[in-house]
Structure formats: C-alpha cells, structure tokens
Amino acid sequence: AGSDVDATVVEKLENADFVLLLISADFLASDSIYKREWKIALQKSQENNSSVIPIITRPCNWEQLSELKQMPLILPRQGIEVGKPIASWETPEDAFSMIVKELQELL
C-alpha cells in the first residue's frame, strides 16, 4: 500500500536471478505484463543476467511468439512434448512435480 506497483515490479525483475513466467492467454493479453515486464525479463536473459523460465499454465498460442519458442527451457515437459499446459495434464499434480524437479536441478 502506498508504493508504486510498476516501479516495484521493475525493480524486482531487474534484481532477479530467476524469472518464472506463468504463461496463459491472460498473460499474453496483458499490456503491462507482456509488453513491459516480459521485455525487461527477456533483455536480462539475453544479457545472461538471469534465467527466464516460461511455465505454460493454460492452453494459449504461446508457440506463435518466437521469443518464447527460443527459450532454452519451457515447462512443463511430458516426454518429448514441451510446454504442455498444466491444465491439460490428466493429473496436474504430476506437472507440478515435474516442474519442481526441473527447477531444483537448475538451482
């Protein structure tokens, strides 16, 4: 309360070692997230100052975004299928478990 939310978010992004992007249609449709915050995270990733990891939460057209498709790690993965939305898994808990294991390996 009382602080500038946009400035706080930008500051946190600039200081983060890891950025987890929870990708959904809402994320892609949000001007503040997709057009501003995502660009900061992407720039930091390209400069090797942070790791940006997209996590596909719900079905959406994330594959159309070349920036996302070029990310070295997109979660969750099921076999050779990359970016299968958590909501599409028969048991979403399995998706969360796989994501946690992948993140633990990175850390």
C-alpha atoms as a PDB file:
ATOM      1  CA  ALA A   1       0.000   0.000   0.000  1.00  0.00           C
ATOM      2  CA  GLY A   2       1.259   3.428  -0.878  1.00  0.00           C
ATOM      3  CA  SER A   3       4.041   2.272  -3.206  1.00  0.00           C
ATOM      4  CA  ASP A   4       4.275   2.494  -6.976  1.00  0.00           C
ATOM      5  CA  VAL A   5       3.436  -1.043  -8.108  1.00  0.00           C
ATOM      6  CA  ASP A   6       5.018  -0.670 -11.561  1.00  0.00           C
ATOM      7  CA  ALA A   7       8.292   0.619 -10.136  1.00  0.00           C
ATOM      8  CA  THR A   8       8.371  -2.180  -7.562  1.00  0.00           C
ATOM      9  CA  VAL A   9       7.803  -4.860 -10.218  1.00  0.00           C
ATOM     10  CA  VAL A  10      10.516  -3.424 -12.470  1.00  0.00           C
ATOM     11  CA  GLU A  11      12.952  -3.260  -9.543  1.00  0.00           C
ATOM     12  CA  LYS A  12      12.247  -6.904  -8.617  1.00  0.00           C
ATOM     13  CA  LEU A  13      12.710  -8.021 -12.230  1.00  0.00           C
ATOM     14  CA  GLU A  14      15.990  -6.154 -12.551  1.00  0.00           C
ATOM     15  CA  ASN A  15      17.350  -7.799  -9.390  1.00  0.00           C
ATOM     16  CA  ALA A  16      16.079 -11.342 -10.048  1.00  0.00           C
ATOM     17  CA  ASP A  17      18.345 -14.265 -10.845  1.00  0.00           C
ATOM     18  CA  PHE A  18      15.387 -16.369 -11.976  1.00  0.00           C
ATOM     19  CA  VAL A  19      12.135 -15.194 -13.512  1.00  0.00           C
ATOM     20  CA  LEU A  20       9.252 -17.642 -13.788  1.00  0.00           C
ATOM     21  CA  LEU A  21       6.682 -16.577 -16.379  1.00  0.00           C
ATOM     22  CA  LEU A  22       3.260 -18.142 -15.807  1.00  0.00           C
ATOM     23  CA  ILE A  23       2.006 -18.198 -19.391  1.00  0.00           C
ATOM     24  CA  SER A  24      -1.705 -18.134 -20.166  1.00  0.00           C
ATOM     25  CA  ALA A  25      -3.986 -16.251 -22.537  1.00  0.00           C
ATOM     26  CA  ASP A  26      -4.351 -13.603 -19.824  1.00  0.00           C
ATOM     27  CA  PHE A  27      -0.564 -13.161 -19.675  1.00  0.00           C
ATOM     28  CA  LEU A  28      -0.347 -12.743 -23.436  1.00  0.00           C
ATOM     29  CA  ALA A  29      -3.267 -10.281 -23.480  1.00  0.00           C
ATOM     30  CA  SER A  30      -1.924  -8.095 -20.684  1.00  0.00           C
ATOM     31  CA  ASP A  31      -0.238  -4.926 -21.905  1.00  0.00           C
ATOM     32  CA  SER A  32       1.581  -4.339 -18.633  1.00  0.00           C
ATOM     33  CA  ILE A  33       2.882  -7.888 -18.354  1.00  0.00           C
ATOM     34  CA  TYR A  34       3.569  -8.923 -21.924  1.00  0.00           C
ATOM     35  CA  LYS A  35       4.650  -5.619 -23.401  1.00  0.00           C
ATOM     36  CA  ARG A  36       6.628  -4.163 -20.495  1.00  0.00           C
ATOM     37  CA  GLU A  37       7.596  -6.694 -17.816  1.00  0.00           C
ATOM     38  CA  TRP A  38       8.243  -9.508 -20.272  1.00  0.00           C
ATOM     39  CA  LYS A  39      10.577  -7.268 -22.274  1.00  0.00           C
ATOM     40  CA  ILE A  40      12.653  -6.491 -19.169  1.00  0.00           C
ATOM     41  CA  ALA A  41      12.920 -10.182 -18.298  1.00  0.00           C
ATOM     42  CA  LEU A  42      13.821 -11.096 -21.889  1.00  0.00           C
ATOM     43  CA  GLN A  43      16.532  -8.429 -22.050  1.00  0.00           C
ATOM     44  CA  LYS A  44      18.078  -9.681 -18.797  1.00  0.00           C
ATOM     45  CA  SER A  45      18.010 -13.235 -20.143  1.00  0.00           C
ATOM     46  CA  GLN A  46      19.709 -12.203 -23.384  1.00  0.00           C
ATOM     47  CA  GLU A  47      22.403 -10.425 -21.375  1.00  0.00           C
ATOM     48  CA  ASN A  48      22.856 -13.620 -19.307  1.00  0.00           C
ATOM     49  CA  ASN A  49      21.963 -11.759 -16.125  1.00  0.00           C
ATOM     50  CA  SER A  50      19.038 -14.029 -15.256  1.00  0.00           C
ATOM     51  CA  SER A  51      17.289 -17.226 -16.236  1.00  0.00           C
ATOM     52  CA  VAL A  52      13.791 -16.779 -17.604  1.00  0.00           C
ATOM     53  CA  ILE A  53      11.653 -19.895 -17.471  1.00  0.00           C
ATOM     54  CA  PRO A  54       8.204 -19.908 -19.063  1.00  0.00           C
ATOM     55  CA  ILE A  55       5.684 -22.218 -17.407  1.00  0.00           C
ATOM     56  CA  ILE A  56       2.644 -22.858 -19.575  1.00  0.00           C
ATOM     57  CA  THR A  57      -0.329 -22.904 -17.223  1.00  0.00           C
ATOM     58  CA  ARG A  58      -3.316 -22.978 -19.578  1.00  0.00           C
ATOM     59  CA  PRO A  59      -3.796 -23.558 -23.303  1.00  0.00           C
ATOM     60  CA  CYS A  60      -2.866 -20.478 -25.350  1.00  0.00           C
ATOM     61  CA  ASN A  61      -0.973 -19.589 -28.527  1.00  0.00           C
ATOM     62  CA  TRP A  62       2.440 -19.260 -26.878  1.00  0.00           C
ATOM     63  CA  GLU A  63       4.086 -21.119 -29.768  1.00  0.00           C
ATOM     64  CA  GLN A  64       3.451 -18.105 -32.033  1.00  0.00           C
ATOM     65  CA  LEU A  65       5.877 -15.989 -30.017  1.00  0.00           C
ATOM     66  CA  SER A  66       9.381 -16.512 -31.315  1.00  0.00           C
ATOM     67  CA  GLU A  67      10.869 -15.157 -28.063  1.00  0.00           C
ATOM     68  CA  LEU A  68       9.167 -17.909 -26.079  1.00  0.00           C
ATOM     69  CA  LYS A  69       9.918 -20.683 -28.558  1.00  0.00           C
ATOM     70  CA  GLN A  70      13.632 -19.815 -28.394  1.00  0.00           C
ATOM     71  CA  MET A  71      13.830 -20.171 -24.608  1.00  0.00           C
ATOM     72  CA  PRO A  72      16.204 -22.979 -23.609  1.00  0.00           C
ATOM     73  CA  LEU A  73      13.731 -24.366 -21.065  1.00  0.00           C
ATOM     74  CA  ILE A  74       9.942 -24.304 -21.306  1.00  0.00           C
ATOM     75  CA  LEU A  75       7.930 -26.142 -18.694  1.00  0.00           C
ATOM     76  CA  PRO A  76       6.163 -28.430 -18.157  1.00  0.00           C
ATOM     77  CA  ARG A  77       7.560 -31.173 -20.322  1.00  0.00           C
ATOM     78  CA  GLN A  78       5.993 -34.565 -20.833  1.00  0.00           C
ATOM     79  CA  GLY A  79       8.277 -36.877 -22.738  1.00  0.00           C
ATOM     80  CA  ILE A  80       9.227 -35.029 -25.906  1.00  0.00           C
ATOM     81  CA  GLU A  81       6.234 -32.697 -25.642  1.00  0.00           C
ATOM     82  CA  VAL A  82       7.397 -29.297 -24.427  1.00  0.00           C
ATOM     83  CA  GLY A  83       5.072 -26.714 -22.957  1.00  0.00           C
ATOM     84  CA  LYS A  84       2.059 -28.933 -22.441  1.00  0.00           C
ATOM     85  CA  PRO A  85      -0.206 -26.685 -20.338  1.00  0.00           C
ATOM     86  CA  ILE A  86      -0.572 -27.718 -16.712  1.00  0.00           C
ATOM     87  CA  ALA A  87      -4.353 -27.568 -17.093  1.00  0.00           C
ATOM     88  CA  SER A  88      -4.154 -30.169 -19.914  1.00  0.00           C
ATOM     89  CA  TRP A  89      -2.398 -32.839 -17.871  1.00  0.00           C
ATOM     90  CA  GLU A  90      -4.549 -35.725 -16.746  1.00  0.00           C
ATOM     91  CA  THR A  91      -3.125 -35.166 -13.272  1.00  0.00           C
ATOM     92  CA  PRO A  92      -1.946 -31.568 -12.843  1.00  0.00           C
ATOM     93  CA  GLU A  93      -0.055 -32.617  -9.715  1.00  0.00           C
ATOM     94  CA  ASP A  94       2.285 -34.617 -11.979  1.00  0.00           C
ATOM     95  CA  ALA A  95       3.004 -31.450 -13.960  1.00  0.00           C
ATOM     96  CA  PHE A  96       3.783 -29.506 -10.779  1.00  0.00           C
ATOM     97  CA  SER A  97       6.034 -32.305  -9.537  1.00  0.00           C
ATOM     98  CA  MET A  98       7.960 -32.331 -12.824  1.00  0.00           C
ATOM     99  CA  ILE A  99       8.322 -28.538 -12.723  1.00  0.00           C
ATOM    100  CA  VAL A 100       9.694 -28.646  -9.183  1.00  0.00           C
ATOM    101  CA  LYS A 101      12.253 -31.312 -10.144  1.00  0.00           C
ATOM    102  CA  GLU A 102      13.421 -29.290 -13.156  1.00  0.00           C
ATOM    103  CA  LEU A 103      13.740 -26.127 -11.061  1.00  0.00           C
ATOM    104  CA  GLN A 104      15.671 -27.974  -8.344  1.00  0.00           C
ATOM    105  CA  GLU A 105      18.158 -29.178 -10.955  1.00  0.00           C
ATOM    106  CA  LEU A 106      18.654 -25.590 -12.139  1.00  0.00           C
ATOM    107  CA  LEU A 107      19.247 -24.283  -8.653  1.00  0.00           C
END
